[in-house]
PDB file of N, CA and C in Angstrom:
ATOM      1  N   ILE A   1      52.974  62.925  95.412  1.00  0.00           N
ATOM      2  CA  ILE A   1      53.748  62.719  96.634  1.00  0.00           C
ATOM      3  C   ILE A   1      52.990  61.719  97.487  1.00  0.00           C
ATOM      4  N   ARG A   2      53.694  60.656  97.898  1.00  0.00           N
ATOM      5  CA  ARG A   2      53.041  59.606  98.676  1.00  0.00           C
ATOM      6  C   ARG A   2      53.345  59.688 100.162  1.00  0.00           C
ATOM      7  N   ASP A   3      54.558  60.155 100.517  1.00  0.00           N
ATOM      8  CA  ASP A   3      54.928  60.198 101.932  1.00  0.00           C
ATOM      9  C   ASP A   3      56.185  61.041 102.125  1.00  0.00           C
ATOM     10  N   TYR A   4      56.338  61.579 103.314  1.00  0.00           N
ATOM     11  CA  TYR A   4      57.565  62.275 103.723  1.00  0.00           C
ATOM     12  C   TYR A   4      58.572  61.212 104.136  1.00  0.00           C
ATOM     13  N   ILE A   5      59.801  61.321 103.658  1.00  0.00           N
ATOM     14  CA  ILE A   5      60.837  60.347 104.015  1.00  0.00           C
ATOM     15  C   ILE A   5      61.734  60.885 105.118  1.00  0.00           C
ATOM     16  N   GLY A   6      62.218  62.092 104.953  1.00  0.00           N
ATOM     17  CA  GLY A   6      63.129  62.661 105.933  1.00  0.00           C
ATOM     18  C   GLY A   6      63.946  63.769 105.297  1.00  0.00           C
ATOM     19  N   GLU A   7      64.968  64.210 106.010  1.00  0.00           N
ATOM     20  CA  GLU A   7      65.820  65.260 105.473  1.00  0.00           C
ATOM     21  C   GLU A   7      67.261  65.068 105.898  1.00  0.00           C
ATOM     22  N   VAL A   8      68.142  65.678 105.118  1.00  0.00           N
ATOM     23  CA  VAL A   8      69.579  65.623 105.360  1.00  0.00           C
ATOM     24  C   VAL A   8      70.101  67.053 105.279  1.00  0.00           C
ATOM     25  N   SER A   9      70.956  67.440 106.220  1.00  0.00           N
ATOM     26  CA  SER A   9      71.585  68.761 106.192  1.00  0.00           C
ATOM     27  C   SER A   9      73.091  68.592 106.108  1.00  0.00           C
ATOM     28  N   TYR A  10      73.718  69.505 105.385  1.00  0.00           N
ATOM     29  CA  TYR A  10      75.178  69.482 105.285  1.00  0.00           C
ATOM     30  C   TYR A  10      75.680  70.876 104.931  1.00  0.00           C
ATOM     31  N   TRP A  11      76.983  71.074 105.091  1.00  0.00           N
ATOM     32  CA  TRP A  11      77.628  72.345 104.786  1.00  0.00           C
ATOM     33  C   TRP A  11      78.474  72.202 103.528  1.00  0.00           C
ATOM     34  N   TYR A  12      78.562  73.298 102.755  1.00  0.00           N
ATOM     35  CA  TYR A  12      79.481  73.347 101.628  1.00  0.00           C
ATOM     36  C   TYR A  12      79.943  74.791 101.463  1.00  0.00           C
ATOM     37  N   VAL A  13      80.965  74.999 100.651  1.00  0.00           N
ATOM     38  CA  VAL A  13      81.500  76.343 100.430  1.00  0.00           C
ATOM     39  C   VAL A  13      81.130  76.799  99.021  1.00  0.00           C
ATOM     40  N   ARG A  14      80.546  77.995  98.934  1.00  0.00           N
ATOM     41  CA  ARG A  14      80.157  78.579  97.649  1.00  0.00           C
ATOM     42  C   ARG A  14      80.666  80.011  97.601  1.00  0.00           C
ATOM     43  N   LYS A  15      81.509  80.291  96.628  1.00  0.00           N
ATOM     44  CA  LYS A  15      82.101  81.623  96.469  1.00  0.00           C
ATOM     45  C   LYS A  15      82.770  82.086  97.753  1.00  0.00           C
ATOM     46  N   GLY A  16      83.468  81.164  98.417  1.00  0.00           N
ATOM     47  CA  GLY A  16      84.194  81.484  99.633  1.00  0.00           C
ATOM     48  C   GLY A  16      83.343  81.573 100.889  1.00  0.00           C
ATOM     49  N   GLN A  17      82.054  81.367 100.774  1.00  0.00           N
ATOM     50  CA  GLN A  17      81.145  81.437 101.922  1.00  0.00           C
ATOM     51  C   GLN A  17      80.660  80.047 102.304  1.00  0.00           C
ATOM     52  N   LYS A  18      80.625  79.794 103.601  1.00  0.00           N
ATOM     53  CA  LYS A  18      80.095  78.534 104.101  1.00  0.00           C
ATOM     54  C   LYS A  18      78.566  78.589 104.045  1.00  0.00           C
ATOM     55  N   VAL A  19      77.955  77.575 103.431  1.00  0.00           N
ATOM     56  CA  VAL A  19      76.504  77.544 103.242  1.00  0.00           C
ATOM     57  C   VAL A  19      75.949  76.240 103.803  1.00  0.00           C
ATOM     58  N   LYS A  20      74.854  76.348 104.554  1.00  0.00           N
ATOM     59  CA  LYS A  20      74.198  75.142 105.060  1.00  0.00           C
ATOM     60  C   LYS A  20      73.081  74.772 104.091  1.00  0.00           C
ATOM     61  N   LYS A  21      73.083  73.530 103.658  1.00  0.00           N
ATOM     62  CA  LYS A  21      72.081  73.029 102.712  1.00  0.00           C
ATOM     63  C   LYS A  21      71.189  72.028 103.427  1.00  0.00           C
ATOM     64  N   ARG A  22      69.893  72.141 103.215  1.00  0.00           N
ATOM     65  CA  ARG A  22      68.926  71.191 103.771  1.00  0.00           C
ATOM     66  C   ARG A  22      68.166  70.572 102.604  1.00  0.00           C
ATOM     67  N   VAL A  23      68.184  69.244 102.530  1.00  0.00           N
ATOM     68  CA  VAL A  23      67.493  68.525 101.468  1.00  0.00           C
ATOM     69  C   VAL A  23      66.352  67.738 102.099  1.00  0.00           C
ATOM     70  N   VAL A  24      65.136  67.954 101.598  1.00  0.00           N
ATOM     71  CA  VAL A  24      63.953  67.261 102.104  1.00  0.00           C
ATOM     72  C   VAL A  24      63.557  66.211 101.071  1.00  0.00           C
ATOM     73  N   TYR A  25      63.342  64.977 101.543  1.00  0.00           N
ATOM     74  CA  TYR A  25      63.017  63.865 100.647  1.00  0.00           C
ATOM     75  C   TYR A  25      61.569  63.424 100.822  1.00  0.00           C
ATOM     76  N   TYR A  26      60.937  63.113  99.698  1.00  0.00           N
ATOM     77  CA  TYR A  26      59.572  62.587  99.683  1.00  0.00           C
ATOM     78  C   TYR A  26      59.531  61.337  98.816  1.00  0.00           C
ATOM     79  N   LEU A  27      58.691  60.394  99.203  1.00  0.00           N
ATOM     80  CA  LEU A  27      58.425  59.230  98.365  1.00  0.00           C
ATOM     81  C   LEU A  27      57.383  59.668  97.346  1.00  0.00           C
ATOM     82  N   MET A  28      57.728  59.540  96.074  1.00  0.00           N
ATOM     83  CA  MET A  28      56.827  59.991  95.018  1.00  0.00           C
ATOM     84  C   MET A  28      56.547  58.846  94.056  1.00  0.00           C
ATOM     85  N   GLU A  29      55.416  58.926  93.409  1.00  0.00           N
ATOM     86  CA  GLU A  29      55.043  57.905  92.436  1.00  0.00           C
ATOM     87  C   GLU A  29      55.200  58.478  91.032  1.00  0.00           C
ATOM     88  N   TYR A  30      55.908  57.748  90.181  1.00  0.00           N
ATOM     89  CA  TYR A  30      56.120  58.147  88.796  1.00  0.00           C
ATOM     90  C   TYR A  30      54.801  58.058  88.032  1.00  0.00           C
ATOM     91  N   LEU A  31      54.460  59.094  87.296  1.00  0.00           N
ATOM     92  CA  LEU A  31      53.227  59.085  86.512  1.00  0.00           C
ATOM     93  C   LEU A  31      53.512  58.964  85.020  1.00  0.00           C
ATOM     94  N   GLU A  32      54.364  59.857  84.499  1.00  0.00           N
ATOM     95  CA  GLU A  32      54.692  59.798  83.080  1.00  0.00           C
ATOM     96  C   GLU A  32      55.848  60.742  82.777  1.00  0.00           C
ATOM     97  N   GLY A  33      56.359  60.659  81.546  1.00  0.00           N
ATOM     98  CA  GLY A  33      57.398  61.564  81.089  1.00  0.00           C
ATOM     99  C   GLY A  33      58.800  61.095  81.443  1.00  0.00           C
ATOM    100  N   GLU A  34      59.754  61.924  81.103  1.00  0.00           N
ATOM    101  CA  GLU A  34      61.161  61.647  81.364  1.00  0.00           C
ATOM    102  C   GLU A  34      61.662  62.569  82.467  1.00  0.00           C
ATOM    103  N   PRO A  35      62.594  62.080  83.309  1.00  0.00           N
ATOM    104  CA  PRO A  35      63.160  62.965  84.333  1.00  0.00           C
ATOM    105  C   PRO A  35      63.894  64.123  83.667  1.00  0.00           C
ATOM    106  N   GLN A  36      63.750  65.311  84.235  1.00  0.00           N
ATOM    107  CA  GLN A  36      64.361  66.509  83.664  1.00  0.00           C
ATOM    108  C   GLN A  36      65.291  67.178  84.669  1.00  0.00           C
ATOM    109  N   PRO A  37      66.481  67.569  84.215  1.00  0.00           N
ATOM    110  CA  PRO A  37      67.361  68.344  85.093  1.00  0.00           C
ATOM    111  C   PRO A  37      66.775  69.740  85.331  1.00  0.00           C
ATOM    112  N   SER A  38      67.261  70.400  86.369  1.00  0.00           N
ATOM    113  CA  SER A  38      66.826  71.764  86.674  1.00  0.00           C
ATOM    114  C   SER A  38      68.057  72.601  87.009  1.00  0.00           C
ATOM    115  N   TRP A  39      67.854  73.834  87.443  1.00  0.00           N
ATOM    116  CA  TRP A  39      68.992  74.715  87.739  1.00  0.00           C
ATOM    117  C   TRP A  39      69.883  74.142  88.828  1.00  0.00           C
ATOM    118  N   GLU A  40      69.330  73.338  89.710  1.00  0.00           N
ATOM    119  CA  GLU A  40      70.101  72.804  90.828  1.00  0.00           C
ATOM    120  C   GLU A  40      70.542  71.355  90.596  1.00  0.00           C
ATOM    121  N   VAL A  41      70.000  70.718  89.577  1.00  0.00           N
ATOM    122  CA  VAL A  41      70.297  69.310  89.295  1.00  0.00           C
ATOM    123  C   VAL A  41      70.838  69.213  87.875  1.00  0.00           C
ATOM    124  N   GLN A  42      72.073  68.705  87.734  1.00  0.00           N
ATOM    125  CA  GLN A  42      72.697  68.627  86.417  1.00  0.00           C
ATOM    126  C   GLN A  42      72.134  67.507  85.559  1.00  0.00           C
ATOM    127  N   ASP A  43      71.675  66.431  86.202  1.00  0.00           N
ATOM    128  CA  ASP A  43      71.185  65.286  85.454  1.00  0.00           C
ATOM    129  C   ASP A  43      70.144  64.554  86.294  1.00  0.00           C
ATOM    130  N   ALA A  44      69.229  63.879  85.639  1.00  0.00           N
ATOM    131  CA  ALA A  44      68.199  63.109  86.337  1.00  0.00           C
ATOM    132  C   ALA A  44      67.969  61.813  85.569  1.00  0.00           C
ATOM    133  N   LYS A  45      68.002  60.670  86.288  1.00  0.00           N
ATOM    134  CA  LYS A  45      67.856  59.362  85.643  1.00  0.00           C
ATOM    135  C   LYS A  45      67.130  58.401  86.573  1.00  0.00           C
ATOM    136  N   PHE A  46      66.594  57.332  85.991  1.00  0.00           N
ATOM    137  CA  PHE A  46      66.024  56.231  86.759  1.00  0.00           C
ATOM    138  C   PHE A  46      67.061  55.119  86.841  1.00  0.00           C
ATOM    139  N   PHE A  47      67.187  54.471  88.027  1.00  0.00           N
ATOM    140  CA  PHE A  47      68.120  53.363  88.217  1.00  0.00           C
ATOM    141  C   PHE A  47      67.436  52.241  88.979  1.00  0.00           C
ATOM    142  N   PRO A  48      67.853  50.989  88.737  1.00  0.00           N
ATOM    143  CA  PRO A  48      67.380  49.880  89.580  1.00  0.00           C
ATOM    144  C   PRO A  48      67.906  50.052  91.010  1.00  0.00           C
ATOM    145  N   VAL A  49      67.181  49.515  91.977  1.00  0.00           N
ATOM    146  CA  VAL A  49      67.549  49.628  93.393  1.00  0.00           C
ATOM    147  C   VAL A  49      68.993  49.199  93.627  1.00  0.00           C
ATOM    148  N   GLU A  50      69.401  48.088  93.034  1.00  0.00           N
ATOM    149  CA  GLU A  50      70.753  47.559  93.263  1.00  0.00           C
ATOM    150  C   GLU A  50      71.824  48.554  92.828  1.00  0.00           C
ATOM    151  N   VAL A  51      71.569  49.283  91.761  1.00  0.00           N
ATOM    152  CA  VAL A  51      72.533  50.270  91.266  1.00  0.00           C
ATOM    153  C   VAL A  51      72.585  51.468  92.216  1.00  0.00           C
ATOM    154  N   VAL A  52      71.426  51.925  92.678  1.00  0.00           N
ATOM    155  CA  VAL A  52      71.373  53.063  93.602  1.00  0.00           C
ATOM    156  C   VAL A  52      72.165  52.748  94.867  1.00  0.00           C
ATOM    157  N   GLU A  53      71.973  51.545  95.401  1.00  0.00           N
ATOM    158  CA  GLU A  53      72.681  51.160  96.633  1.00  0.00           C
ATOM    159  C   GLU A  53      74.193  51.234  96.454  1.00  0.00           C
ATOM    160  N   LYS A  54      74.688  50.970  95.257  1.00  0.00           N
ATOM    161  CA  LYS A  54      76.133  51.042  94.988  1.00  0.00           C
ATOM    162  C   LYS A  54      76.597  52.476  94.734  1.00  0.00           C
ATOM    163  N   LEU A  55      75.714  53.316  94.211  1.00  0.00           N
ATOM    164  CA  LEU A  55      76.087  54.694  93.879  1.00  0.00           C
ATOM    165  C   LEU A  55      76.128  55.627  95.089  1.00  0.00           C
ATOM    166  N   LEU A  56      75.279  55.383  96.072  1.00  0.00           N
ATOM    167  CA  LEU A  56      75.210  56.281  97.229  1.00  0.00           C
ATOM    168  C   LEU A  56      76.494  56.213  98.048  1.00  0.00           C
ATOM    169  N   GLU A  57      77.032  57.379  98.397  1.00  0.00           N
ATOM    170  CA  GLU A  57      78.288  57.442  99.141  1.00  0.00           C
ATOM    171  C   GLU A  57      78.117  57.941 100.569  1.00  0.00           C
ATOM    172  N   TYR A  58      77.169  58.837 100.797  1.00  0.00           N
ATOM    173  CA  TYR A  58      77.041  59.473 102.101  1.00  0.00           C
ATOM    174  C   TYR A  58      76.060  58.732 103.003  1.00  0.00           C
ATOM    175  N   LYS A  59      76.415  58.663 104.283  1.00  0.00           N
ATOM    176  CA  LYS A  59      75.607  57.934 105.266  1.00  0.00           C
ATOM    177  C   LYS A  59      74.162  58.427 105.297  1.00  0.00           C
ATOM    178  N   GLY A  60      73.970  59.741 105.318  1.00  0.00           N
ATOM    179  CA  GLY A  60      72.622  60.301 105.367  1.00  0.00           C
ATOM    180  C   GLY A  60      71.783  59.903 104.165  1.00  0.00           C
ATOM    181  N   ASP A  61      72.395  59.922 102.977  1.00  0.00           N
ATOM    182  CA  ASP A  61      71.679  59.530 101.761  1.00  0.00           C
ATOM    183  C   ASP A  61      71.310  58.051 101.790  1.00  0.00           C
ATOM    184  N   LYS A  62      72.218  57.232 102.306  1.00  0.00           N
ATOM    185  CA  LYS A  62      71.941  55.790 102.410  1.00  0.00           C
ATOM    186  C   LYS A  62      70.777  55.531 103.364  1.00  0.00           C
ATOM    187  N   GLN A  63      70.734  56.277 104.471  1.00  0.00           N
ATOM    188  CA  GLN A  63      69.645  56.109 105.443  1.00  0.00           C
ATOM    189  C   GLN A  63      68.302  56.526 104.845  1.00  0.00           C
ATOM    190  N   VAL A  64      68.294  57.629 104.109  1.00  0.00           N
ATOM    191  CA  VAL A  64      67.064  58.105 103.477  1.00  0.00           C
ATOM    192  C   VAL A  64      66.580  57.094 102.439  1.00  0.00           C
ATOM    193  N   PHE A  65      67.497  56.544 101.658  1.00  0.00           N
ATOM    194  CA  PHE A  65      67.115  55.565 100.640  1.00  0.00           C
ATOM    195  C   PHE A  65      66.553  54.302 101.286  1.00  0.00           C
ATOM    196  N   LYS A  66      67.168  53.864 102.378  1.00  0.00           N
ATOM    197  CA  LYS A  66      66.670  52.680 103.091  1.00  0.00           C
ATOM    198  C   LYS A  66      65.246  52.924 103.596  1.00  0.00           C
ATOM    199  N   LYS A  67      65.012  54.112 104.145  1.00  0.00           N
ATOM    200  CA  LYS A  67      63.667  54.435 104.633  1.00  0.00           C
ATOM    201  C   LYS A  67      62.671  54.484 103.472  1.00  0.00           C
ATOM    202  N   ALA A  68      63.091  55.025 102.331  1.00  0.00           N
ATOM    203  CA  ALA A  68      62.214  55.074 101.153  1.00  0.00           C
ATOM    204  C   ALA A  68      61.809  53.671 100.722  1.00  0.00           C
ATOM    205  N   LEU A  69      62.755  52.748 100.728  1.00  0.00           N
ATOM    206  CA  LEU A  69      62.439  51.362 100.357  1.00  0.00           C
ATOM    207  C   LEU A  69      61.452  50.746 101.337  1.00  0.00           C
ATOM    208  N   GLU A  70      61.637  51.016 102.626  1.00  0.00           N
ATOM    209  CA  GLU A  70      60.714  50.481 103.641  1.00  0.00           C
ATOM    210  C   GLU A  70      59.308  51.046 103.444  1.00  0.00           C
ATOM    211  N   LEU A  71      59.206  52.343 103.189  1.00  0.00           N
ATOM    212  CA  LEU A  71      57.901  52.964 102.950  1.00  0.00           C
ATOM    213  C   LEU A  71      57.246  52.404 101.693  1.00  0.00           C
ATOM    214  N   PHE A  72      58.055  52.187 100.667  1.00  0.00           N
ATOM    215  CA  PHE A  72      57.531  51.657  99.411  1.00  0.00           C
ATOM    216  C   PHE A  72      56.951  50.258  99.613  1.00  0.00           C
ATOM    217  N   LYS A  73      57.611  49.454 100.437  1.00  0.00           N
ATOM    218  CA  LYS A  73      57.106  48.101 100.717  1.00  0.00           C
ATOM    219  C   LYS A  73      55.779  48.156 101.471  1.00  0.00           C
ATOM    220  N   LEU A  74      55.602  49.178 102.325  1.00  0.00           N
ATOM    221  CA  LEU A  74      54.357  49.334 103.078  1.00  0.00           C
ATOM    222  C   LEU A  74      53.240  49.943 102.229  1.00  0.00           C
ATOM    223  N   GLN A  75      53.633  50.673 101.177  1.00  0.00           N
ATOM    224  CA  GLN A  75      52.655  51.355 100.324  1.00  0.00           C
ATOM    225  C   GLN A  75      52.921  50.999  98.864  1.00  0.00           C
ATOM    226  N   PRO A  76      52.576  49.804  98.440  1.00  0.00           N
ATOM    227  CA  PRO A  76      52.859  49.423  97.051  1.00  0.00           C
ATOM    228  C   PRO A  76      52.183  50.370  96.060  1.00  0.00           C
ATOM    229  N   LEU A  77      52.694  50.365  94.847  1.00  0.00           N
ATOM    230  CA  LEU A  77      52.142  51.227  93.802  1.00  0.00           C
ATOM    231  C   LEU A  77      50.660  50.985  93.598  1.00  0.00           C
ATOM    232  N   SER A  78      49.959  52.062  93.315  1.00  0.00           N
ATOM    233  CA  SER A  78      48.541  51.914  92.999  1.00  0.00           C
ATOM    234  C   SER A  78      48.413  51.340  91.589  1.00  0.00           C
ATOM    235  N   PRO A  79      47.392  50.514  91.342  1.00  0.00           N
ATOM    236  CA  PRO A  79      47.237  49.944  89.999  1.00  0.00           C
ATOM    237  C   PRO A  79      47.055  51.057  88.978  1.00  0.00           C
ATOM    238  N   GLY A  80      47.749  50.921  87.856  1.00  0.00           N
ATOM    239  CA  GLY A  80      47.733  52.032  86.967  1.00  0.00           C
ATOM    240  C   GLY A  80      47.156  51.859  85.666  1.00  0.00           C
TER     241      GLY A  80
END
């Protein structure tokens, strides 16, 4: 984990109940291996920046991604 980016909160309905979801984002550095889905994530993939910018639909997600790019420019990858 390299830095805290921010968080996004939203509401959704699950089994007829209104649920508030909070997602916390961190700037992380890839070390090795393949992205793996989990119980909460159906799929995980790597994409070029240009593709991500086209895929994002929600304002909050777009703002978080923009901040991540700004942080990445300030903290370039460590030599590996």
